[in-house]
Amino acid sequence: MATERTWPDLAIPPGDVLAEELEARGLSQSRLAQLMHRPLQAINEIVRGRKRITGDTALGLAEALGTSAELWMRLEADYELNKARLARSRRGRRSVRLASAIPRTAAIRPGTTRKPAEA
């Protein structure tokens, strides 16, 4: 019997994880930028969720922090996927609300046509 997987009801940007990791290590964004040979602005944009983590950036983070590049790529992929799931879920709930607002007598069943009202 297959079990249904549950998904989080929030999407955590990988920049949040990076910010927490930097704080735990006592590293500044500036120092990380130096270690990665990247502009401070690029690191800051990742931390603020304005820039995605690319493969090259994941490799740089792995080297600078002693982690795996796969970790950072998975965090980015999970974030994007959870964002999409949440957006789809919100659209679905809106559709249900809109559909429930239509009186049943006005609804058209699939495969039927609506006859024009006679005057």
PDB file of N, CA and C in Angstrom:
ATOM      1  N   MET A   1       0.840  -1.171   0.000  1.00  0.00           N
ATOM      2  CA  MET A   1       0.000   0.000   0.000  1.00  0.00           C
ATOM      3  C   MET A   1       0.892   1.244   0.000  1.00  0.00           C
ATOM      4  N   ALA A   2       0.643   2.138  -0.922  1.00  0.00           N
ATOM      5  CA  ALA A   2       1.438   3.356  -1.029  1.00  0.00           C
ATOM      6  C   ALA A   2       0.933   4.394  -0.035  1.00  0.00           C
ATOM      7  N   THR A   3       1.859   5.105   0.548  1.00  0.00           N
ATOM      8  CA  THR A   3       1.475   6.183   1.448  1.00  0.00           C
ATOM      9  C   THR A   3       1.623   7.497   0.711  1.00  0.00           C
ATOM     10  N   GLU A   4       0.721   8.404   0.993  1.00  0.00           N
ATOM     11  CA  GLU A   4       0.756   9.708   0.336  1.00  0.00           C
ATOM     12  C   GLU A   4       1.745  10.610   1.061  1.00  0.00           C
ATOM     13  N   ARG A   5       2.614  11.242   0.305  1.00  0.00           N
ATOM     14  CA  ARG A   5       3.608  12.128   0.893  1.00  0.00           C
ATOM     15  C   ARG A   5       2.981  13.479   1.186  1.00  0.00           C
ATOM     16  N   THR A   6       3.302  14.020   2.326  1.00  0.00           N
ATOM     17  CA  THR A   6       2.810  15.352   2.656  1.00  0.00           C
ATOM     18  C   THR A   6       3.910  16.361   2.360  1.00  0.00           C
ATOM     19  N   TRP A   7       3.500  17.559   2.041  1.00  0.00           N
ATOM     20  CA  TRP A   7       4.428  18.626   1.689  1.00  0.00           C
ATOM     21  C   TRP A   7       4.268  19.768   2.671  1.00  0.00           C
ATOM     22  N   PRO A   8       5.345  20.513   2.907  1.00  0.00           N
ATOM     23  CA  PRO A   8       5.237  21.641   3.838  1.00  0.00           C
ATOM     24  C   PRO A   8       4.309  22.712   3.279  1.00  0.00           C
ATOM     25  N   ASP A   9       3.699  23.471   4.180  1.00  0.00           N
ATOM     26  CA  ASP A   9       2.810  24.542   3.741  1.00  0.00           C
ATOM     27  C   ASP A   9       3.540  25.877   3.671  1.00  0.00           C
ATOM     28  N   LEU A  10       4.865  25.801   3.526  1.00  0.00           N
ATOM     29  CA  LEU A  10       5.663  26.993   3.317  1.00  0.00           C
ATOM     30  C   LEU A  10       6.871  26.629   2.460  1.00  0.00           C
ATOM     31  N   ALA A  11       7.404  27.626   1.813  1.00  0.00           N
ATOM     32  CA  ALA A  11       8.594  27.439   0.981  1.00  0.00           C
ATOM     33  C   ALA A  11       9.724  28.241   1.620  1.00  0.00           C
ATOM     34  N   ILE A  12      10.781  27.548   2.002  1.00  0.00           N
ATOM     35  CA  ILE A  12      11.894  28.205   2.690  1.00  0.00           C
ATOM     36  C   ILE A  12      12.991  28.514   1.676  1.00  0.00           C
ATOM     37  N   PRO A  13      13.281  29.787   1.456  1.00  0.00           N
ATOM     38  CA  PRO A  13      14.336  30.141   0.507  1.00  0.00           C
ATOM     39  C   PRO A  13      15.692  29.630   0.999  1.00  0.00           C
ATOM     40  N   PRO A  14      16.519  29.129   0.098  1.00  0.00           N
ATOM     41  CA  PRO A  14      17.828  28.643   0.516  1.00  0.00           C
ATOM     42  C   PRO A  14      18.681  29.740   1.142  1.00  0.00           C
ATOM     43  N   GLY A  15      18.397  30.980   0.827  1.00  0.00           N
ATOM     44  CA  GLY A  15      19.118  32.092   1.443  1.00  0.00           C
ATOM     45  C   GLY A  15      18.904  32.157   2.943  1.00  0.00           C
ATOM     46  N   ASP A  16      17.711  31.735   3.409  1.00  0.00           N
ATOM     47  CA  ASP A  16      17.454  31.688   4.851  1.00  0.00           C
ATOM     48  C   ASP A  16      18.376  30.667   5.520  1.00  0.00           C
ATOM     49  N   VAL A  17      18.534  29.523   4.867  1.00  0.00           N
ATOM     50  CA  VAL A  17      19.416  28.481   5.396  1.00  0.00           C
ATOM     51  C   VAL A  17      20.857  28.986   5.398  1.00  0.00           C
ATOM     52  N   LEU A  18      21.248  29.653   4.323  1.00  0.00           N
ATOM     53  CA  LEU A  18      22.604  30.195   4.234  1.00  0.00           C
ATOM     54  C   LEU A  18      22.843  31.219   5.339  1.00  0.00           C
ATOM     55  N   ALA A  19      21.884  32.106   5.567  1.00  0.00           N
ATOM     56  CA  ALA A  19      22.029  33.118   6.623  1.00  0.00           C
ATOM     57  C   ALA A  19      22.201  32.457   7.989  1.00  0.00           C
ATOM     58  N   GLU A  20      21.413  31.414   8.255  1.00  0.00           N
ATOM     59  CA  GLU A  20      21.537  30.711   9.532  1.00  0.00           C
ATOM     60  C   GLU A  20      22.891  30.011   9.645  1.00  0.00           C
ATOM     61  N   GLU A  21      23.350  29.445   8.546  1.00  0.00           N
ATOM     62  CA  GLU A  21      24.648  28.758   8.545  1.00  0.00           C
ATOM     63  C   GLU A  21      25.779  29.751   8.806  1.00  0.00           C
ATOM     64  N   LEU A  22      25.704  30.913   8.175  1.00  0.00           N
ATOM     65  CA  LEU A  22      26.732  31.939   8.392  1.00  0.00           C
ATOM     66  C   LEU A  22      26.739  32.381   9.852  1.00  0.00           C
ATOM     67  N   GLU A  23      25.549  32.590  10.402  1.00  0.00           N
ATOM     68  CA  GLU A  23      25.460  33.019  11.808  1.00  0.00           C
ATOM     69  C   GLU A  23      26.033  31.941  12.733  1.00  0.00           C
ATOM     70  N   ALA A  24      25.682  30.695  12.474  1.00  0.00           N
ATOM     71  CA  ALA A  24      26.177  29.594  13.322  1.00  0.00           C
ATOM     72  C   ALA A  24      27.699  29.487  13.271  1.00  0.00           C
ATOM     73  N   ARG A  25      28.277  29.827  12.129  1.00  0.00           N
ATOM     74  CA  ARG A  25      29.730  29.731  11.969  1.00  0.00           C
ATOM     75  C   ARG A  25      30.445  31.025  12.342  1.00  0.00           C
ATOM     76  N   GLY A  26      29.685  32.064  12.621  1.00  0.00           N
ATOM     77  CA  GLY A  26      30.297  33.350  12.933  1.00  0.00           C
ATOM     78  C   GLY A  26      30.929  34.005  11.718  1.00  0.00           C
ATOM     79  N   LEU A  27      30.401  33.699  10.540  1.00  0.00           N
ATOM     80  CA  LEU A  27      30.920  34.282   9.289  1.00  0.00           C
ATOM     81  C   LEU A  27      30.006  35.397   8.822  1.00  0.00           C
ATOM     82  N   SER A  28      30.594  36.425   8.264  1.00  0.00           N
ATOM     83  CA  SER A  28      29.802  37.496   7.669  1.00  0.00           C
ATOM     84  C   SER A  28      29.593  37.197   6.190  1.00  0.00           C
ATOM     85  N   GLN A  29      28.628  37.854   5.609  1.00  0.00           N
ATOM     86  CA  GLN A  29      28.417  37.729   4.165  1.00  0.00           C
ATOM     87  C   GLN A  29      29.656  38.198   3.411  1.00  0.00           C
ATOM     88  N   SER A  30      30.264  39.236   3.943  1.00  0.00           N
ATOM     89  CA  SER A  30      31.467  39.780   3.320  1.00  0.00           C
ATOM     90  C   SER A  30      32.595  38.742   3.294  1.00  0.00           C
ATOM     91  N   ARG A  31      32.778  38.048   4.409  1.00  0.00           N
ATOM     92  CA  ARG A  31      33.837  37.028   4.466  1.00  0.00           C
ATOM     93  C   ARG A  31      33.525  35.869   3.516  1.00  0.00           C
ATOM     94  N   LEU A  32      32.263  35.464   3.462  1.00  0.00           N
ATOM     95  CA  LEU A  32      31.882  34.403   2.533  1.00  0.00           C
ATOM     96  C   LEU A  32      32.155  34.831   1.093  1.00  0.00           C
ATOM     97  N   ALA A  33      31.818  36.068   0.777  1.00  0.00           N
ATOM     98  CA  ALA A  33      32.075  36.576  -0.575  1.00  0.00           C
ATOM     99  C   ALA A  33      33.568  36.507  -0.897  1.00  0.00           C
ATOM    100  N   GLN A  34      34.415  36.854   0.069  1.00  0.00           N
ATOM    101  CA  GLN A  34      35.869  36.766  -0.133  1.00  0.00           C
ATOM    102  C   GLN A  34      36.299  35.324  -0.364  1.00  0.00           C
ATOM    103  N   LEU A  35      35.782  34.409   0.458  1.00  0.00           N
ATOM    104  CA  LEU A  35      36.153  32.995   0.324  1.00  0.00           C
ATOM    105  C   LEU A  35      35.724  32.418  -1.029  1.00  0.00           C
ATOM    106  N   MET A  36      34.608  32.911  -1.539  1.00  0.00           N
ATOM    107  CA  MET A  36      34.069  32.392  -2.799  1.00  0.00           C
ATOM    108  C   MET A  36      34.562  33.173  -4.019  1.00  0.00           C
ATOM    109  N   HIS A  37      35.280  34.276  -3.761  1.00  0.00           N
ATOM    110  CA  HIS A  37      35.729  35.152  -4.855  1.00  0.00           C
ATOM    111  C   HIS A  37      34.533  35.656  -5.664  1.00  0.00           C
ATOM    112  N   ARG A  38      33.521  36.077  -4.923  1.00  0.00           N
ATOM    113  CA  ARG A  38      32.292  36.597  -5.522  1.00  0.00           C
ATOM    114  C   ARG A  38      32.003  37.963  -4.933  1.00  0.00           C
ATOM    115  N   PRO A  39      31.257  38.803  -5.647  1.00  0.00           N
ATOM    116  CA  PRO A  39      30.891  40.110  -5.081  1.00  0.00           C
ATOM    117  C   PRO A  39      29.971  39.940  -3.871  1.00  0.00           C
ATOM    118  N   LEU A  40      30.125  40.802  -2.899  1.00  0.00           N
ATOM    119  CA  LEU A  40      29.274  40.791  -1.715  1.00  0.00           C
ATOM    120  C   LEU A  40      27.806  40.896  -2.111  1.00  0.00           C
ATOM    121  N   GLN A  41      27.526  41.712  -3.114  1.00  0.00           N
ATOM    122  CA  GLN A  41      26.141  41.908  -3.560  1.00  0.00           C
ATOM    123  C   GLN A  41      25.505  40.579  -3.983  1.00  0.00           C
ATOM    124  N   ALA A  42      26.262  39.706  -4.636  1.00  0.00           N
ATOM    125  CA  ALA A  42      25.730  38.405  -5.070  1.00  0.00           C
ATOM    126  C   ALA A  42      25.329  37.561  -3.861  1.00  0.00           C
ATOM    127  N   ILE A  43      26.168  37.545  -2.832  1.00  0.00           N
ATOM    128  CA  ILE A  43      25.866  36.783  -1.621  1.00  0.00           C
ATOM    129  C   ILE A  43      24.656  37.383  -0.922  1.00  0.00           C
ATOM    130  N   ASN A  44      24.628  38.696  -0.828  1.00  0.00           N
ATOM    131  CA  ASN A  44      23.517  39.378  -0.177  1.00  0.00           C
ATOM    132  C   ASN A  44      22.196  39.106  -0.899  1.00  0.00           C
ATOM    133  N   GLU A  45      22.213  39.075  -2.204  1.00  0.00           N
ATOM    134  CA  GLU A  45      20.991  38.803  -2.974  1.00  0.00           C
ATOM    135  C   GLU A  45      20.505  37.370  -2.763  1.00  0.00           C
ATOM    136  N   ILE A  46      21.415  36.434  -2.581  1.00  0.00           N
ATOM    137  CA  ILE A  46      21.015  35.051  -2.278  1.00  0.00           C
ATOM    138  C   ILE A  46      20.373  35.007  -0.901  1.00  0.00           C
ATOM    139  N   VAL A  47      21.026  35.635   0.075  1.00  0.00           N
ATOM    140  CA  VAL A  47      20.505  35.639   1.442  1.00  0.00           C
ATOM    141  C   VAL A  47      19.132  36.295   1.491  1.00  0.00           C
ATOM    142  N   ARG A  48      18.928  37.337   0.707  1.00  0.00           N
ATOM    143  CA  ARG A  48      17.644  38.051   0.702  1.00  0.00           C
ATOM    144  C   ARG A  48      16.595  37.375  -0.177  1.00  0.00           C
ATOM    145  N   GLY A  49      16.958  36.291  -0.847  1.00  0.00           N
ATOM    146  CA  GLY A  49      16.006  35.562  -1.680  1.00  0.00           C
ATOM    147  C   GLY A  49      15.751  36.186  -3.029  1.00  0.00           C
ATOM    148  N   ARG A  50      16.633  37.052  -3.457  1.00  0.00           N
ATOM    149  CA  ARG A  50      16.459  37.729  -4.744  1.00  0.00           C
ATOM    150  C   ARG A  50      17.257  37.082  -5.868  1.00  0.00           C
ATOM    151  N   LYS A  51      18.135  36.172  -5.516  1.00  0.00           N
ATOM    152  CA  LYS A  51      18.979  35.510  -6.503  1.00  0.00           C
ATOM    153  C   LYS A  51      18.980  34.020  -6.214  1.00  0.00           C
ATOM    154  N   ARG A  52      18.861  33.227  -7.278  1.00  0.00           N
ATOM    155  CA  ARG A  52      18.854  31.774  -7.141  1.00  0.00           C
ATOM    156  C   ARG A  52      20.270  31.237  -6.966  1.00  0.00           C
ATOM    157  N   ILE A  53      20.355  30.062  -6.393  1.00  0.00           N
ATOM    158  CA  ILE A  53      21.639  29.374  -6.283  1.00  0.00           C
ATOM    159  C   ILE A  53      21.825  28.540  -7.539  1.00  0.00           C
ATOM    160  N   THR A  54      22.845  28.881  -8.298  1.00  0.00           N
ATOM    161  CA  THR A  54      23.161  28.154  -9.525  1.00  0.00           C
ATOM    162  C   THR A  54      24.141  27.024  -9.201  1.00  0.00           C
ATOM    163  N   GLY A  55      24.401  26.200 -10.170  1.00  0.00           N
ATOM    164  CA  GLY A  55      25.379  25.131  -9.981  1.00  0.00           C
ATOM    165  C   GLY A  55      26.734  25.678  -9.591  1.00  0.00           C
ATOM    166  N   ASP A  56      27.175  26.730 -10.250  1.00  0.00           N
ATOM    167  CA  ASP A  56      28.473  27.325  -9.939  1.00  0.00           C
ATOM    168  C   ASP A  56      28.497  27.878  -8.517  1.00  0.00           C
ATOM    169  N   THR A  57      27.408  28.542  -8.130  1.00  0.00           N
ATOM    170  CA  THR A  57      27.329  29.077  -6.771  1.00  0.00           C
ATOM    171  C   THR A  57      27.309  27.945  -5.747  1.00  0.00           C
ATOM    172  N   ALA A  58      26.594  26.870  -6.051  1.00  0.00           N
ATOM    173  CA  ALA A  58      26.546  25.715  -5.142  1.00  0.00           C
ATOM    174  C   ALA A  58      27.943  25.128  -4.941  1.00  0.00           C
ATOM    175  N   LEU A  59      28.706  25.059  -6.008  1.00  0.00           N
ATOM    176  CA  LEU A  59      30.084  24.560  -5.891  1.00  0.00           C
ATOM    177  C   LEU A  59      30.930  25.489  -5.018  1.00  0.00           C
ATOM    178  N   GLY A  60      30.759  26.795  -5.208  1.00  0.00           N
ATOM    179  CA  GLY A  60      31.496  27.766  -4.395  1.00  0.00           C
ATOM    180  C   GLY A  60      31.113  27.703  -2.928  1.00  0.00           C
ATOM    181  N   LEU A  61      29.811  27.564  -2.649  1.00  0.00           N
ATOM    182  CA  LEU A  61      29.365  27.438  -1.261  1.00  0.00           C
ATOM    183  C   LEU A  61      29.919  26.171  -0.632  1.00  0.00           C
ATOM    184  N   ALA A  62      29.922  25.091  -1.399  1.00  0.00           N
ATOM    185  CA  ALA A  62      30.441  23.818  -0.896  1.00  0.00           C
ATOM    186  C   ALA A  62      31.916  23.944  -0.521  1.00  0.00           C
ATOM    187  N   GLU A  63      32.688  24.574  -1.380  1.00  0.00           N
ATOM    188  CA  GLU A  63      34.120  24.741  -1.105  1.00  0.00           C
ATOM    189  C   GLU A  63      34.354  25.652   0.096  1.00  0.00           C
ATOM    190  N   ALA A  64      33.610  26.754   0.152  1.00  0.00           N
ATOM    191  CA  ALA A  64      33.827  27.733   1.216  1.00  0.00           C
ATOM    192  C   ALA A  64      33.334  27.239   2.578  1.00  0.00           C
ATOM    193  N   LEU A  65      32.264  26.437   2.579  1.00  0.00           N
ATOM    194  CA  LEU A  65      31.646  26.042   3.839  1.00  0.00           C
ATOM    195  C   LEU A  65      31.894  24.579   4.211  1.00  0.00           C
ATOM    196  N   GLY A  66      32.537  23.838   3.322  1.00  0.00           N
ATOM    197  CA  GLY A  66      32.801  22.438   3.611  1.00  0.00           C
ATOM    198  C   GLY A  66      31.552  21.575   3.579  1.00  0.00           C
ATOM    199  N   THR A  67      30.601  21.951   2.745  1.00  0.00           N
ATOM    200  CA  THR A  67      29.372  21.177   2.576  1.00  0.00           C
ATOM    201  C   THR A  67      29.405  20.534   1.193  1.00  0.00           C
ATOM    202  N   SER A  68      28.302  19.963   0.792  1.00  0.00           N
ATOM    203  CA  SER A  68      28.225  19.436  -0.569  1.00  0.00           C
ATOM    204  C   SER A  68      27.489  20.435  -1.450  1.00  0.00           C
ATOM    205  N   ALA A  69      27.845  20.448  -2.709  1.00  0.00           N
ATOM    206  CA  ALA A  69      27.133  21.295  -3.668  1.00  0.00           C
ATOM    207  C   ALA A  69      25.693  20.810  -3.820  1.00  0.00           C
ATOM    208  N   GLU A  70      25.521  19.492  -3.694  1.00  0.00           N
ATOM    209  CA  GLU A  70      24.181  18.910  -3.833  1.00  0.00           C
ATOM    210  C   GLU A  70      23.215  19.451  -2.779  1.00  0.00           C
ATOM    211  N   LEU A  71      23.729  19.697  -1.580  1.00  0.00           N
ATOM    212  CA  LEU A  71      22.893  20.272  -0.523  1.00  0.00           C
ATOM    213  C   LEU A  71      22.257  21.570  -0.994  1.00  0.00           C
ATOM    214  N   TRP A  72      23.075  22.463  -1.527  1.00  0.00           N
ATOM    215  CA  TRP A  72      22.583  23.781  -1.941  1.00  0.00           C
ATOM    216  C   TRP A  72      21.666  23.674  -3.156  1.00  0.00           C
ATOM    217  N   MET A  73      21.963  22.754  -4.050  1.00  0.00           N
ATOM    218  CA  MET A  73      21.092  22.571  -5.217  1.00  0.00           C
ATOM    219  C   MET A  73      19.747  21.984  -4.795  1.00  0.00           C
ATOM    220  N   ARG A  74      19.760  21.045  -3.837  1.00  0.00           N
ATOM    221  CA  ARG A  74      18.500  20.470  -3.341  1.00  0.00           C
ATOM    222  C   ARG A  74      17.664  21.526  -2.628  1.00  0.00           C
ATOM    223  N   LEU A  75      18.322  22.372  -1.830  1.00  0.00           N
ATOM    224  CA  LEU A  75      17.583  23.438  -1.150  1.00  0.00           C
ATOM    225  C   LEU A  75      16.907  24.355  -2.162  1.00  0.00           C
ATOM    226  N   GLU A  76      17.633  24.700  -3.225  1.00  0.00           N
ATOM    227  CA  GLU A  76      17.066  25.564  -4.272  1.00  0.00           C
ATOM    228  C   GLU A  76      15.913  24.868  -4.980  1.00  0.00           C
ATOM    229  N   ALA A  77      16.113  23.593  -5.348  1.00  0.00           N
ATOM    230  CA  ALA A  77      15.068  22.852  -6.060  1.00  0.00           C
ATOM    231  C   ALA A  77      13.834  22.660  -5.177  1.00  0.00           C
ATOM    232  N   ASP A  78      14.036  22.316  -3.903  1.00  0.00           N
ATOM    233  CA  ASP A  78      12.907  22.146  -2.993  1.00  0.00           C
ATOM    234  C   ASP A  78      12.131  23.443  -2.834  1.00  0.00           C
ATOM    235  N   TYR A  79      12.850  24.543  -2.731  1.00  0.00           N
ATOM    236  CA  TYR A  79      12.204  25.849  -2.594  1.00  0.00           C
ATOM    237  C   TYR A  79      11.333  26.153  -3.808  1.00  0.00           C
ATOM    238  N   GLU A  80      11.891  25.981  -4.998  1.00  0.00           N
ATOM    239  CA  GLU A  80      11.130  26.268  -6.212  1.00  0.00           C
ATOM    240  C   GLU A  80       9.915  25.358  -6.341  1.00  0.00           C
ATOM    241  N   LEU A  81      10.092  24.078  -6.038  1.00  0.00           N
ATOM    242  CA  LEU A  81       8.998  23.127  -6.138  1.00  0.00           C
ATOM    243  C   LEU A  81       7.902  23.424  -5.111  1.00  0.00           C
ATOM    244  N   ASN A  82       8.285  23.731  -3.887  1.00  0.00           N
ATOM    245  CA  ASN A  82       7.289  24.067  -2.868  1.00  0.00           C
ATOM    246  C   ASN A  82       6.554  25.361  -3.199  1.00  0.00           C
ATOM    247  N   LYS A  83       7.259  26.337  -3.764  1.00  0.00           N
ATOM    248  CA  LYS A  83       6.596  27.575  -4.200  1.00  0.00           C
ATOM    249  C   LYS A  83       5.530  27.258  -5.244  1.00  0.00           C
ATOM    250  N   ALA A  84       5.881  26.404  -6.206  1.00  0.00           N
ATOM    251  CA  ALA A  84       4.937  26.040  -7.260  1.00  0.00           C
ATOM    252  C   ALA A  84       3.746  25.275  -6.689  1.00  0.00           C
ATOM    253  N   ARG A  85       4.002  24.352  -5.769  1.00  0.00           N
ATOM    254  CA  ARG A  85       2.903  23.596  -5.146  1.00  0.00           C
ATOM    255  C   ARG A  85       1.962  24.527  -4.393  1.00  0.00           C
ATOM    256  N   LEU A  86       2.524  25.460  -3.642  1.00  0.00           N
ATOM    257  CA  LEU A  86       1.697  26.395  -2.884  1.00  0.00           C
ATOM    258  C   LEU A  86       0.877  27.287  -3.805  1.00  0.00           C
ATOM    259  N   ALA A  87       1.487  27.748  -4.884  1.00  0.00           N
ATOM    260  CA  ALA A  87       0.765  28.587  -5.843  1.00  0.00           C
ATOM    261  C   ALA A  87      -0.376  27.798  -6.476  1.00  0.00           C
ATOM    262  N   ARG A  88      -0.114  26.560  -6.844  1.00  0.00           N
ATOM    263  CA  ARG A  88      -1.148  25.716  -7.456  1.00  0.00           C
ATOM    264  C   ARG A  88      -2.266  25.446  -6.450  1.00  0.00           C
ATOM    265  N   SER A  89      -1.895  25.205  -5.210  1.00  0.00           N
ATOM    266  CA  SER A  89      -2.883  24.956  -4.166  1.00  0.00           C
ATOM    267  C   SER A  89      -3.774  26.178  -3.966  1.00  0.00           C
ATOM    268  N   ARG A  90      -3.171  27.369  -3.964  1.00  0.00           N
ATOM    269  CA  ARG A  90      -3.962  28.604  -3.812  1.00  0.00           C
ATOM    270  C   ARG A  90      -4.901  28.788  -4.990  1.00  0.00           C
ATOM    271  N   ARG A  91      -4.417  28.502  -6.198  1.00  0.00           N
ATOM    272  CA  ARG A  91      -5.282  28.620  -7.383  1.00  0.00           C
ATOM    273  C   ARG A  91      -6.436  27.639  -7.280  1.00  0.00           C
ATOM    274  N   GLY A  92      -6.156  26.430  -6.801  1.00  0.00           N
ATOM    275  CA  GLY A  92      -7.195  25.418  -6.653  1.00  0.00           C
ATOM    276  C   GLY A  92      -8.257  25.843  -5.658  1.00  0.00           C
ATOM    277  N   ARG A  93      -7.849  26.423  -4.545  1.00  0.00           N
ATOM    278  CA  ARG A  93      -8.808  26.880  -3.545  1.00  0.00           C
ATOM    279  C   ARG A  93      -9.659  28.018  -4.093  1.00  0.00           C
ATOM    280  N   ARG A  94      -9.066  28.908  -4.892  1.00  0.00           N
ATOM    281  CA  ARG A  94      -9.830  29.999  -5.504  1.00  0.00           C
ATOM    282  C   ARG A  94     -10.866  29.431  -6.449  1.00  0.00           C
ATOM    283  N   SER A  95     -10.491  28.422  -7.231  1.00  0.00           N
ATOM    284  CA  SER A  95     -11.417  27.811  -8.177  1.00  0.00           C
ATOM    285  C   SER A  95     -12.587  27.178  -7.450  1.00  0.00           C
ATOM    286  N   VAL A  96     -12.306  26.525  -6.332  1.00  0.00           N
ATOM    287  CA  VAL A  96     -13.377  25.900  -5.553  1.00  0.00           C
ATOM    288  C   VAL A  96     -14.309  26.968  -5.015  1.00  0.00           C
ATOM    289  N   ARG A  97     -13.751  28.066  -4.511  1.00  0.00           N
ATOM    290  CA  ARG A  97     -14.597  29.148  -3.982  1.00  0.00           C
ATOM    291  C   ARG A  97     -15.454  29.741  -5.093  1.00  0.00           C
ATOM    292  N   LEU A  98     -14.860  29.962  -6.265  1.00  0.00           N
ATOM    293  CA  LEU A  98     -15.625  30.523  -7.373  1.00  0.00           C
ATOM    294  C   LEU A  98     -16.710  29.560  -7.817  1.00  0.00           C
ATOM    295  N   ALA A  99     -16.373  28.288  -7.921  1.00  0.00           N
ATOM    296  CA  ALA A  99     -17.344  27.296  -8.361  1.00  0.00           C
ATOM    297  C   ALA A  99     -18.494  27.182  -7.368  1.00  0.00           C
ATOM    298  N   SER A 100     -18.209  27.288  -6.080  1.00  0.00           N
ATOM    299  CA  SER A 100     -19.276  27.166  -5.088  1.00  0.00           C
ATOM    300  C   SER A 100     -20.162  28.407  -5.077  1.00  0.00           C
ATOM    301  N   ALA A 101     -19.708  29.507  -5.651  1.00  0.00           N
ATOM    302  CA  ALA A 101     -20.509  30.723  -5.686  1.00  0.00           C
ATOM    303  C   ALA A 101     -21.538  30.696  -6.814  1.00  0.00           C
ATOM    304  N   ILE A 102     -21.383  29.787  -7.754  1.00  0.00           N
ATOM    305  CA  ILE A 102     -22.317  29.691  -8.881  1.00  0.00           C
ATOM    306  C   ILE A 102     -23.497  28.830  -8.441  1.00  0.00           C
ATOM    307  N   PRO A 103     -24.721  29.338  -8.578  1.00  0.00           N
ATOM    308  CA  PRO A 103     -25.884  28.516  -8.209  1.00  0.00           C
ATOM    309  C   PRO A 103     -25.901  27.229  -9.034  1.00  0.00           C
ATOM    310  N   ARG A 104     -26.263  26.132  -8.405  1.00  0.00           N
ATOM    311  CA  ARG A 104     -26.278  24.838  -9.096  1.00  0.00           C
ATOM    312  C   ARG A 104     -27.196  24.851 -10.306  1.00  0.00           C
ATOM    313  N   THR A 105     -28.275  25.581 -10.252  1.00  0.00           N
ATOM    314  CA  THR A 105     -29.196  25.616 -11.384  1.00  0.00           C
ATOM    315  C   THR A 105     -28.565  26.288 -12.593  1.00  0.00           C
ATOM    316  N   ALA A 106     -27.550  27.113 -12.347  1.00  0.00           N
ATOM    317  CA  ALA A 106     -26.890  27.806 -13.451  1.00  0.00           C
ATOM    318  C   ALA A 106     -25.729  27.002 -14.017  1.00  0.00           C
ATOM    319  N   ALA A 107     -25.334  25.968 -13.323  1.00  0.00           N
ATOM    320  CA  ALA A 107     -24.194  25.173 -13.773  1.00  0.00           C
ATOM    321  C   ALA A 107     -24.588  24.299 -14.955  1.00  0.00           C
ATOM    322  N   ILE A 108     -23.662  24.113 -15.856  1.00  0.00           N
ATOM    323  CA  ILE A 108     -23.887  23.259 -17.019  1.00  0.00           C
ATOM    324  C   ILE A 108     -23.078  22.000 -16.822  1.00  0.00           C
ATOM    325  N   ARG A 109     -23.716  20.866 -16.967  1.00  0.00           N
ATOM    326  CA  ARG A 109     -23.005  19.599 -16.834  1.00  0.00           C
ATOM    327  C   ARG A 109     -22.229  19.323 -18.118  1.00  0.00           C
ATOM    328  N   PRO A 110     -21.069  18.680 -17.991  1.00  0.00           N
ATOM    329  CA  PRO A 110     -20.305  18.329 -19.189  1.00  0.00           C
ATOM    330  C   PRO A 110     -21.151  17.466 -20.132  1.00  0.00           C
ATOM    331  N   GLY A 111     -21.058  17.755 -21.409  1.00  0.00           N
ATOM    332  CA  GLY A 111     -21.779  16.972 -22.410  1.00  0.00           C
ATOM    333  C   GLY A 111     -23.194  17.459 -22.657  1.00  0.00           C
ATOM    334  N   THR A 112     -23.614  18.507 -21.952  1.00  0.00           N
ATOM    335  CA  THR A 112     -24.947  19.051 -22.182  1.00  0.00           C
ATOM    336  C   THR A 112     -24.814  20.458 -22.721  1.00  0.00           C
ATOM    337  N   THR A 113     -25.845  20.918 -23.336  1.00  0.00           N
ATOM    338  CA  THR A 113     -25.857  22.303 -23.809  1.00  0.00           C
ATOM    339  C   THR A 113     -26.957  23.039 -23.086  1.00  0.00           C
ATOM    340  N   ARG A 114     -26.782  24.284 -22.989  1.00  0.00           N
ATOM    341  CA  ARG A 114     -27.785  25.114 -22.300  1.00  0.00           C
ATOM    342  C   ARG A 114     -28.723  25.687 -23.339  1.00  0.00           C
ATOM    343  N   LYS A 115     -30.001  25.537 -23.113  1.00  0.00           N
ATOM    344  CA  LYS A 115     -30.977  26.085 -24.040  1.00  0.00           C
ATOM    345  C   LYS A 115     -31.195  27.555 -23.729  1.00  0.00           C
ATOM    346  N   PRO A 116     -31.332  28.381 -24.763  1.00  0.00           N
ATOM    347  CA  PRO A 116     -31.587  29.801 -24.512  1.00  0.00           C
ATOM    348  C   PRO A 116     -32.959  29.974 -23.847  1.00  0.00           C
ATOM    349  N   ALA A 117     -33.043  30.972 -22.995  1.00  0.00           N
ATOM    350  CA  ALA A 117     -34.303  31.247 -22.313  1.00  0.00           C
ATOM    351  C   ALA A 117     -35.328  31.721 -23.322  1.00  0.00           C
ATOM    352  N   GLU A 118     -36.554  31.243 -23.161  1.00  0.00           N
ATOM    353  CA  GLU A 118     -37.617  31.652 -24.079  1.00  0.00           C
ATOM    354  C   GLU A 118     -38.270  32.930 -23.546  1.00  0.00           C
ATOM    355  N   ALA A 119     -38.643  33.795 -24.486  1.00  0.00           N
ATOM    356  CA  ALA A 119     -39.231  35.079 -24.098  1.00  0.00           C
ATOM    357  C   ALA A 119     -40.715  34.993 -23.986  1.00  0.00           C
TER     358      ALA A 119
END
